[in-house]
C-alpha atoms as a PDB file:
ATOM      1  CA  MET A   1      63.926 -29.454  51.130  1.00  0.00           C
ATOM      2  CA  GLN A   2      63.938 -27.652  47.996  1.00  0.00           C
ATOM      3  CA  PHE A   3      65.220 -24.267  47.581  1.00  0.00           C
ATOM      4  CA  TYR A   4      65.056 -22.040  44.309  1.00  0.00           C
ATOM      5  CA  ILE A   5      67.315 -19.420  43.168  1.00  0.00           C
ATOM      6  CA  PHE A   6      65.629 -16.260  41.596  1.00  0.00           C
ATOM      7  CA  ALA A   7      66.916 -13.162  39.842  1.00  0.00           C
ATOM      8  CA  PRO A   8      66.944 -10.197  42.511  1.00  0.00           C
ATOM      9  CA  ILE A   9      64.757  -7.369  42.967  1.00  0.00           C
ATOM     10  CA  SER A  10      66.892  -4.208  42.140  1.00  0.00           C
ATOM     11  CA  GLN A  11      67.246  -1.799  45.391  1.00  0.00           C
ATOM     12  CA  THR A  12      69.899   0.975  45.734  1.00  0.00           C
ATOM     13  CA  LEU A  13      71.947   0.613  48.898  1.00  0.00           C
ATOM     14  CA  PHE A  14      75.284   2.310  49.849  1.00  0.00           C
ATOM     15  CA  MET A  15      77.248   0.208  52.131  1.00  0.00           C
ATOM     16  CA  GLU A  16      80.352   2.442  52.494  1.00  0.00           C
ATOM     17  CA  ASN A  17      79.702   3.494  56.195  1.00  0.00           C
ATOM     18  CA  ILE A  18      78.213   0.211  57.480  1.00  0.00           C
ATOM     19  CA  LYS A  19      80.223  -1.500  60.184  1.00  0.00           C
ATOM     20  CA  ASN A  20      77.348  -3.571  61.651  1.00  0.00           C
ATOM     21  CA  ILE A  21      74.621  -5.665  60.312  1.00  0.00           C
ATOM     22  CA  ILE A  22      71.288  -6.844  62.346  1.00  0.00           C
ATOM     23  CA  PHE A  23      69.452  -9.653  60.689  1.00  0.00           C
ATOM     24  CA  ASP A  24      66.052 -10.713  60.876  1.00  0.00           C
ATOM     25  CA  TYR A  25      65.700 -14.392  60.816  1.00  0.00           C
ATOM     26  CA  GLY A  26      62.238 -15.528  59.138  1.00  0.00           C
ATOM     27  CA  ASN A  27      62.505 -14.921  55.415  1.00  0.00           C
ATOM     28  CA  VAL A  28      66.025 -13.459  55.548  1.00  0.00           C
ATOM     29  CA  ILE A  29      68.150 -16.538  56.997  1.00  0.00           C
ATOM     30  CA  PHE A  30      65.347 -19.153  57.706  1.00  0.00           C
ATOM     31  CA  SER A  31      62.552 -19.383  55.126  1.00  0.00           C
ATOM     32  CA  ILE A  32      59.019 -19.354  56.077  1.00  0.00           C
ATOM     33  CA  ASP A  33      55.748 -19.946  54.684  1.00  0.00           C
ATOM     34  CA  PHE A  34      52.757 -18.039  55.690  1.00  0.00           C
ATOM     35  CA  LYS A  35      50.075 -19.679  53.360  1.00  0.00           C
ATOM     36  CA  ARG A  36      51.222 -23.179  54.210  1.00  0.00           C
ATOM     37  CA  VAL A  37      50.546 -22.163  58.238  1.00  0.00           C
ATOM     38  CA  GLN A  38      47.169 -20.664  57.366  1.00  0.00           C
ATOM     39  CA  GLN A  39      46.102 -23.743  55.715  1.00  0.00           C
ATOM     40  CA  SER A  40      47.276 -25.562  58.830  1.00  0.00           C
ATOM     41  CA  TRP A  41      45.115 -23.405  61.254  1.00  0.00           C
ATOM     42  CA  ASN A  42      42.249 -23.728  58.841  1.00  0.00           C
ATOM     43  CA  GLN A  43      42.460 -27.521  58.989  1.00  0.00           C
ATOM     44  CA  LEU A  44      42.459 -27.138  62.632  1.00  0.00           C
ATOM     45  CA  GLY A  45      39.138 -25.114  62.592  1.00  0.00           C
ATOM     46  CA  ILE A  46      40.311 -21.449  62.723  1.00  0.00           C
ATOM     47  CA  ALA A  47      37.717 -19.853  60.735  1.00  0.00           C
ATOM     48  CA  ASN A  48      39.791 -16.559  59.576  1.00  0.00           C
ATOM     49  CA  PRO A  49      43.398 -17.975  59.420  1.00  0.00           C
ATOM     50  CA  GLU A  50      44.701 -14.963  57.408  1.00  0.00           C
ATOM     51  CA  THR A  51      43.939 -12.579  60.119  1.00  0.00           C
ATOM     52  CA  PHE A  52      44.568 -15.038  62.831  1.00  0.00           C
ATOM     53  CA  PHE A  53      48.140 -15.111  61.708  1.00  0.00           C
ATOM     54  CA  GLY A  54      49.462 -13.287  58.841  1.00  0.00           C
ATOM     55  CA  HIS A  55      52.437 -11.234  57.728  1.00  0.00           C
ATOM     56  CA  LYS A  56      50.832  -7.917  58.180  1.00  0.00           C
ATOM     57  CA  GLU A  57      47.896  -8.713  60.965  1.00  0.00           C
ATOM     58  CA  GLN A  58      47.679 -11.344  63.538  1.00  0.00           C
ATOM     59  CA  ASP A  59      45.708 -12.248  66.722  1.00  0.00           C
ATOM     60  CA  ALA A  60      47.163 -10.617  69.937  1.00  0.00           C
ATOM     61  CA  ILE A  61      48.074 -13.957  71.486  1.00  0.00           C
ATOM     62  CA  PHE A  62      51.117 -14.290  69.023  1.00  0.00           C
ATOM     63  CA  ASP A  63      52.464 -10.935  70.287  1.00  0.00           C
ATOM     64  CA  LYS A  64      52.159 -12.096  73.691  1.00  0.00           C
ATOM     65  CA  PHE A  65      53.769 -15.337  72.890  1.00  0.00           C
ATOM     66  CA  ASP A  66      56.581 -13.710  70.988  1.00  0.00           C
ATOM     67  CA  ARG A  67      57.452 -11.584  74.226  1.00  0.00           C
ATOM     68  CA  GLY A  68      57.292 -14.679  76.393  1.00  0.00           C
ATOM     69  CA  GLU A  69      54.103 -13.336  78.119  1.00  0.00           C
ATOM     70  CA  VAL A  70      52.311 -16.661  77.588  1.00  0.00           C
ATOM     71  CA  THR A  71      53.590 -20.113  77.829  1.00  0.00           C
ATOM     72  CA  ALA A  72      53.624 -22.748  75.315  1.00  0.00           C
ATOM     73  CA  ALA A  73      50.825 -24.590  77.168  1.00  0.00           C
ATOM     74  CA  GLN A  74      48.735 -21.530  77.443  1.00  0.00           C
ATOM     75  CA  PHE A  75      49.238 -20.776  73.635  1.00  0.00           C
ATOM     76  CA  ARG A  76      47.904 -24.334  72.971  1.00  0.00           C
ATOM     77  CA  GLU A  77      44.977 -23.902  75.135  1.00  0.00           C
ATOM     78  CA  TYR A  78      44.127 -20.590  73.410  1.00  0.00           C
ATOM     79  CA  VAL A  79      44.229 -22.578  70.246  1.00  0.00           C
ATOM     80  CA  ARG A  80      41.764 -24.978  71.547  1.00  0.00           C
ATOM     81  CA  GLU A  81      39.393 -22.259  72.667  1.00  0.00           C
ATOM     82  CA  LYS A  82      39.724 -20.662  69.315  1.00  0.00           C
ATOM     83  CA  THR A  83      38.947 -23.880  67.295  1.00  0.00           C
ATOM     84  CA  ASN A  84      36.119 -24.703  70.086  1.00  0.00           C
ATOM     85  CA  ASN A  85      38.088 -28.219  69.930  1.00  0.00           C
ATOM     86  CA  PRO A  86      39.338 -29.286  73.389  1.00  0.00           C
ATOM     87  CA  ALA A  87      40.321 -32.552  71.995  1.00  0.00           C
ATOM     88  CA  LEU A  88      43.258 -31.107  69.976  1.00  0.00           C
ATOM     89  CA  THR A  89      46.643 -32.447  71.130  1.00  0.00           C
ATOM     90  CA  ASP A  90      49.610 -30.611  71.949  1.00  0.00           C
ATOM     91  CA  GLU A  91      51.148 -32.487  68.919  1.00  0.00           C
ATOM     92  CA  GLN A  92      48.514 -31.448  66.615  1.00  0.00           C
ATOM     93  CA  ILE A  93      48.783 -27.960  67.659  1.00  0.00           C
ATOM     94  CA  ASP A  94      52.519 -27.746  67.402  1.00  0.00           C
ATOM     95  CA  ALA A  95      52.662 -29.490  64.049  1.00  0.00           C
ATOM     96  CA  ALA A  96      50.139 -26.616  62.653  1.00  0.00           C
ATOM     97  CA  TRP A  97      52.293 -24.038  64.004  1.00  0.00           C
ATOM     98  CA  ASN A  98      55.617 -25.366  63.060  1.00  0.00           C
ATOM     99  CA  SER A  99      54.224 -25.763  59.407  1.00  0.00           C
ATOM    100  CA  ILE A 100      55.289 -22.119  58.605  1.00  0.00           C
ATOM    101  CA  LEU A 101      59.071 -23.285  59.134  1.00  0.00           C
ATOM    102  CA  VAL A 102      60.801 -24.351  55.764  1.00  0.00           C
ATOM    103  CA  GLY A 103      64.396 -24.261  56.451  1.00  0.00           C
ATOM    104  CA  ILE A 104      67.671 -22.613  55.513  1.00  0.00           C
ATOM    105  CA  ALA A 105      68.991 -22.451  52.199  1.00  0.00           C
ATOM    106  CA  GLU A 106      72.396 -23.921  51.314  1.00  0.00           C
ATOM    107  CA  GLY A 107      75.143 -21.472  51.622  1.00  0.00           C
ATOM    108  CA  ASN A 108      73.313 -19.118  54.100  1.00  0.00           C
ATOM    109  CA  HIS A 109      75.350 -20.327  57.064  1.00  0.00           C
ATOM    110  CA  ASP A 110      78.548 -20.153  55.172  1.00  0.00           C
ATOM    111  CA  LEU A 111      77.781 -16.501  54.135  1.00  0.00           C
ATOM    112  CA  LEU A 112      76.944 -15.495  57.744  1.00  0.00           C
ATOM    113  CA  LEU A 113      80.215 -16.465  58.831  1.00  0.00           C
ATOM    114  CA  GLN A 114      82.144 -14.676  56.083  1.00  0.00           C
ATOM    115  CA  LEU A 115      80.038 -11.576  57.105  1.00  0.00           C
ATOM    116  CA  LYS A 116      81.107 -12.061  60.809  1.00  0.00           C
ATOM    117  CA  ASP A 117      84.531 -11.704  59.930  1.00  0.00           C
ATOM    118  CA  LYS A 118      83.971  -8.416  58.077  1.00  0.00           C
ATOM    119  CA  TYR A 119      81.186  -6.872  60.202  1.00  0.00           C
ATOM    120  CA  ARG A 120      79.631  -6.925  63.622  1.00  0.00           C
ATOM    121  CA  THR A 121      76.732  -9.040  62.925  1.00  0.00           C
ATOM    122  CA  PHE A 122      73.634  -9.570  65.143  1.00  0.00           C
ATOM    123  CA  LEU A 123      70.397 -11.832  65.078  1.00  0.00           C
ATOM    124  CA  LEU A 124      67.155  -9.970  66.050  1.00  0.00           C
ATOM    125  CA  SER A 125      64.302 -12.501  65.733  1.00  0.00           C
ATOM    126  CA  ASN A 126      60.433 -12.382  66.814  1.00  0.00           C
ATOM    127  CA  ILE A 127      60.053 -15.936  67.832  1.00  0.00           C
ATOM    128  CA  ASN A 128      58.213 -18.073  70.363  1.00  0.00           C
ATOM    129  CA  ALA A 129      59.146 -21.067  72.521  1.00  0.00           C
ATOM    130  CA  ILE A 130      57.557 -23.774  70.045  1.00  0.00           C
ATOM    131  CA  HIS A 131      59.322 -22.164  67.151  1.00  0.00           C
ATOM    132  CA  TYR A 132      62.611 -21.668  69.008  1.00  0.00           C
ATOM    133  CA  ASP A 133      62.494 -25.415  70.287  1.00  0.00           C
ATOM    134  CA  TYR A 134      61.876 -26.690  66.613  1.00  0.00           C
ATOM    135  CA  ILE A 135      64.745 -24.558  65.115  1.00  0.00           C
ATOM    136  CA  MET A 136      67.145 -25.543  67.731  1.00  0.00           C
ATOM    137  CA  ASN A 137      66.467 -29.206  66.820  1.00  0.00           C
ATOM    138  CA  TYR A 138      66.655 -28.447  63.052  1.00  0.00           C
ATOM    139  CA  LEU A 139      69.959 -26.989  63.458  1.00  0.00           C
ATOM    140  CA  LYS A 140      71.254 -29.743  65.560  1.00  0.00           C
ATOM    141  CA  THR A 141      70.003 -32.397  63.351  1.00  0.00           C
ATOM    142  CA  ASP A 142      70.508 -31.058  59.984  1.00  0.00           C
ATOM    143  CA  PHE A 143      73.695 -29.054  60.516  1.00  0.00           C
ATOM    144  CA  GLY A 144      75.225 -30.305  63.637  1.00  0.00           C
ATOM    145  CA  PHE A 145      75.158 -26.780  65.322  1.00  0.00           C
ATOM    146  CA  ASP A 146      74.059 -25.812  68.941  1.00  0.00           C
ATOM    147  CA  GLY A 147      71.882 -22.899  68.119  1.00  0.00           C
ATOM    148  CA  ASN A 148      73.128 -19.819  65.988  1.00  0.00           C
ATOM    149  CA  ASP A 149      75.446 -18.098  68.585  1.00  0.00           C
ATOM    150  CA  HIS A 150      78.343 -18.944  66.650  1.00  0.00           C
ATOM    151  CA  LEU A 151      77.158 -17.119  63.388  1.00  0.00           C
ATOM    152  CA  PHE A 152      76.699 -13.868  65.085  1.00  0.00           C
ATOM    153  CA  GLU A 153      78.451 -11.554  67.987  1.00  0.00           C
ATOM    154  CA  LYS A 154      75.059 -11.635  69.626  1.00  0.00           C
ATOM    155  CA  THR A 155      71.633 -13.147  69.186  1.00  0.00           C
ATOM    156  CA  TYR A 156      68.481 -11.676  70.528  1.00  0.00           C
ATOM    157  CA  TYR A 157      65.289 -13.617  70.528  1.00  0.00           C
ATOM    158  CA  SER A 158      62.018 -11.871  71.477  1.00  0.00           C
ATOM    159  CA  HIS A 159      60.656 -14.629  73.890  1.00  0.00           C
ATOM    160  CA  LEU A 160      63.795 -14.333  75.880  1.00  0.00           C
ATOM    161  CA  THR A 161      64.136 -10.488  75.821  1.00  0.00           C
ATOM    162  CA  GLY A 162      60.388  -9.801  76.340  1.00  0.00           C
ATOM    163  CA  LYS A 163      60.573  -7.272  73.707  1.00  0.00           C
ATOM    164  CA  ARG A 164      59.642  -7.675  69.994  1.00  0.00           C
ATOM    165  CA  LYS A 165      59.858  -5.778  66.701  1.00  0.00           C
ATOM    166  CA  PRO A 166      58.600  -3.102  65.868  1.00  0.00           C
ATOM    167  CA  GLU A 167      58.752  -1.946  69.461  1.00  0.00           C
ATOM    168  CA  PRO A 168      61.488   0.679  69.738  1.00  0.00           C
ATOM    169  CA  ALA A 169      62.677  -0.818  72.989  1.00  0.00           C
ATOM    170  CA  ILE A 170      64.352  -3.843  71.191  1.00  0.00           C
ATOM    171  CA  PHE A 171      66.296  -1.757  68.868  1.00  0.00           C
ATOM    172  CA  GLU A 172      67.334   0.473  71.372  1.00  0.00           C
ATOM    173  CA  GLN A 173      68.539  -2.496  73.475  1.00  0.00           C
ATOM    174  CA  VAL A 174      70.775  -3.771  70.675  1.00  0.00           C
ATOM    175  CA  LEU A 175      72.259  -0.554  70.103  1.00  0.00           C
ATOM    176  CA  LYS A 176      73.144   0.263  73.488  1.00  0.00           C
ATOM    177  CA  GLU A 177      74.316  -3.056  74.777  1.00  0.00           C
ATOM    178  CA  ASN A 178      76.882  -3.529  71.857  1.00  0.00           C
ATOM    179  CA  ASN A 179      77.727   0.419  71.420  1.00  0.00           C
ATOM    180  CA  LEU A 180      76.628   0.629  67.942  1.00  0.00           C
ATOM    181  CA  LYS A 181      75.998   3.945  66.073  1.00  0.00           C
ATOM    182  CA  PRO A 182      72.510   3.657  64.163  1.00  0.00           C
ATOM    183  CA  GLU A 183      74.207   5.251  60.969  1.00  0.00           C
ATOM    184  CA  GLU A 184      76.692   2.754  60.769  1.00  0.00           C
ATOM    185  CA  THR A 185      74.216  -0.038  61.366  1.00  0.00           C
ATOM    186  CA  LEU A 186      72.106  -2.020  58.691  1.00  0.00           C
ATOM    187  CA  PHE A 187      69.049  -3.639  59.567  1.00  0.00           C
ATOM    188  CA  ILE A 188      67.579  -6.333  57.044  1.00  0.00           C
ATOM    189  CA  ASP A 189      64.073  -7.544  57.824  1.00  0.00           C
ATOM    190  CA  ASP A 190      61.261  -8.699  55.601  1.00  0.00           C
ATOM    191  CA  SER A 191      58.488  -6.752  57.350  1.00  0.00           C
ATOM    192  CA  PRO A 192      58.085  -2.905  56.469  1.00  0.00           C
ATOM    193  CA  GLN A 193      56.779  -1.951  59.912  1.00  0.00           C
ATOM    194  CA  HIS A 194      60.024  -3.361  61.585  1.00  0.00           C
ATOM    195  CA  LEU A 195      62.312  -1.305  59.105  1.00  0.00           C
ATOM    196  CA  GLU A 196      60.101   1.963  59.933  1.00  0.00           C
ATOM    197  CA  ALA A 197      60.590   1.522  63.533  1.00  0.00           C
ATOM    198  CA  ALA A 198      64.218   1.065  63.064  1.00  0.00           C
ATOM    199  CA  LYS A 199      64.529   4.102  60.436  1.00  0.00           C
ATOM    200  CA  LYS A 200      63.155   6.300  63.400  1.00  0.00           C
ATOM    201  CA  LEU A 201      66.153   5.550  65.290  1.00  0.00           C
ATOM    202  CA  GLY A 202      68.528   6.374  62.627  1.00  0.00           C
ATOM    203  CA  ILE A 203      69.403   2.630  61.755  1.00  0.00           C
ATOM    204  CA  GLN A 204      69.853   1.960  57.901  1.00  0.00           C
ATOM    205  CA  THR A 205      67.464  -0.599  56.553  1.00  0.00           C
ATOM    206  CA  PHE A 206      66.942  -2.886  53.830  1.00  0.00           C
ATOM    207  CA  LEU A 207      63.402  -4.827  52.904  1.00  0.00           C
ATOM    208  CA  MET A 208      64.193  -8.421  51.982  1.00  0.00           C
ATOM    209  CA  THR A 209      61.527  -9.309  49.484  1.00  0.00           C
ATOM    210  CA  ALA A 210      61.246 -12.525  47.543  1.00  0.00           C
ATOM    211  CA  PRO A 211      62.572 -13.533  45.438  1.00  0.00           C
ATOM    212  CA  ASP A 212      65.690 -11.684  46.571  1.00  0.00           C
ATOM    213  CA  THR A 213      67.849 -13.574  49.140  1.00  0.00           C
ATOM    214  CA  ILE A 214      70.664 -12.576  51.454  1.00  0.00           C
ATOM    215  CA  GLN A 215      73.184 -14.413  49.317  1.00  0.00           C
ATOM    216  CA  LEU A 216      71.981 -12.141  46.067  1.00  0.00           C
ATOM    217  CA  PHE A 217      72.188  -9.026  48.348  1.00  0.00           C
ATOM    218  CA  ALA A 218      75.734  -9.845  49.648  1.00  0.00           C
ATOM    219  CA  LYS A 219      76.868 -10.388  46.062  1.00  0.00           C
ATOM    220  CA  ARG A 220      75.127  -7.357  44.830  1.00  0.00           C
ATOM    221  CA  GLU A 221      76.472  -5.043  47.416  1.00  0.00           C
ATOM    222  CA  HIS A 222      79.935  -6.530  47.432  1.00  0.00           C
ATOM    223  CA  LEU A 223      79.894  -7.416  51.164  1.00  0.00           C
ATOM    224  CA  ILE A 224      82.167 -10.143  51.002  1.00  0.00           C
END
């Protein structure tokens, strides 16, 4: 995998009162590619891949899959129905869906461990069973990690909690379970709609937008 370092987009942020950091996963820690997965869906026979699954719009099946309300088998069957192709194999569907997953830039894990020493850090990810299994295998194969738990005080995966961003309930759960004060908590995500939900609860927010990265952000804000 190849990763490229770009100059950061300037955003003003004051970190003096921040004691806790909640991280999104996709396109904050783990790089993902919406165009690539849309091409994959199109190749399987999805007529409108941009609206089927995009950054700001997606079929309702993905929300249900994120919450664990449908199984991987049910998700695959839905894809077969949408493509009108019952012959699609599990492997073909999983490969298309997993094509969104690019990987983790060198240095991200080291940064997270350094931040964990200075702040209370948490992972809050909208994810599903297929992506979760792929990423757990990737972390084990490429880094020798048994998941992400050692990088954070606590991890929250939507398909295990039954809640997903931007639903207020998942933010409230993280705050309550860990006795976090919203005004002392920073949430970093790449989706504006997720940040808006957090802001309404008083959480401080930062929009991660390419070509910015968490490594550039940490250096710019003197987090370590």
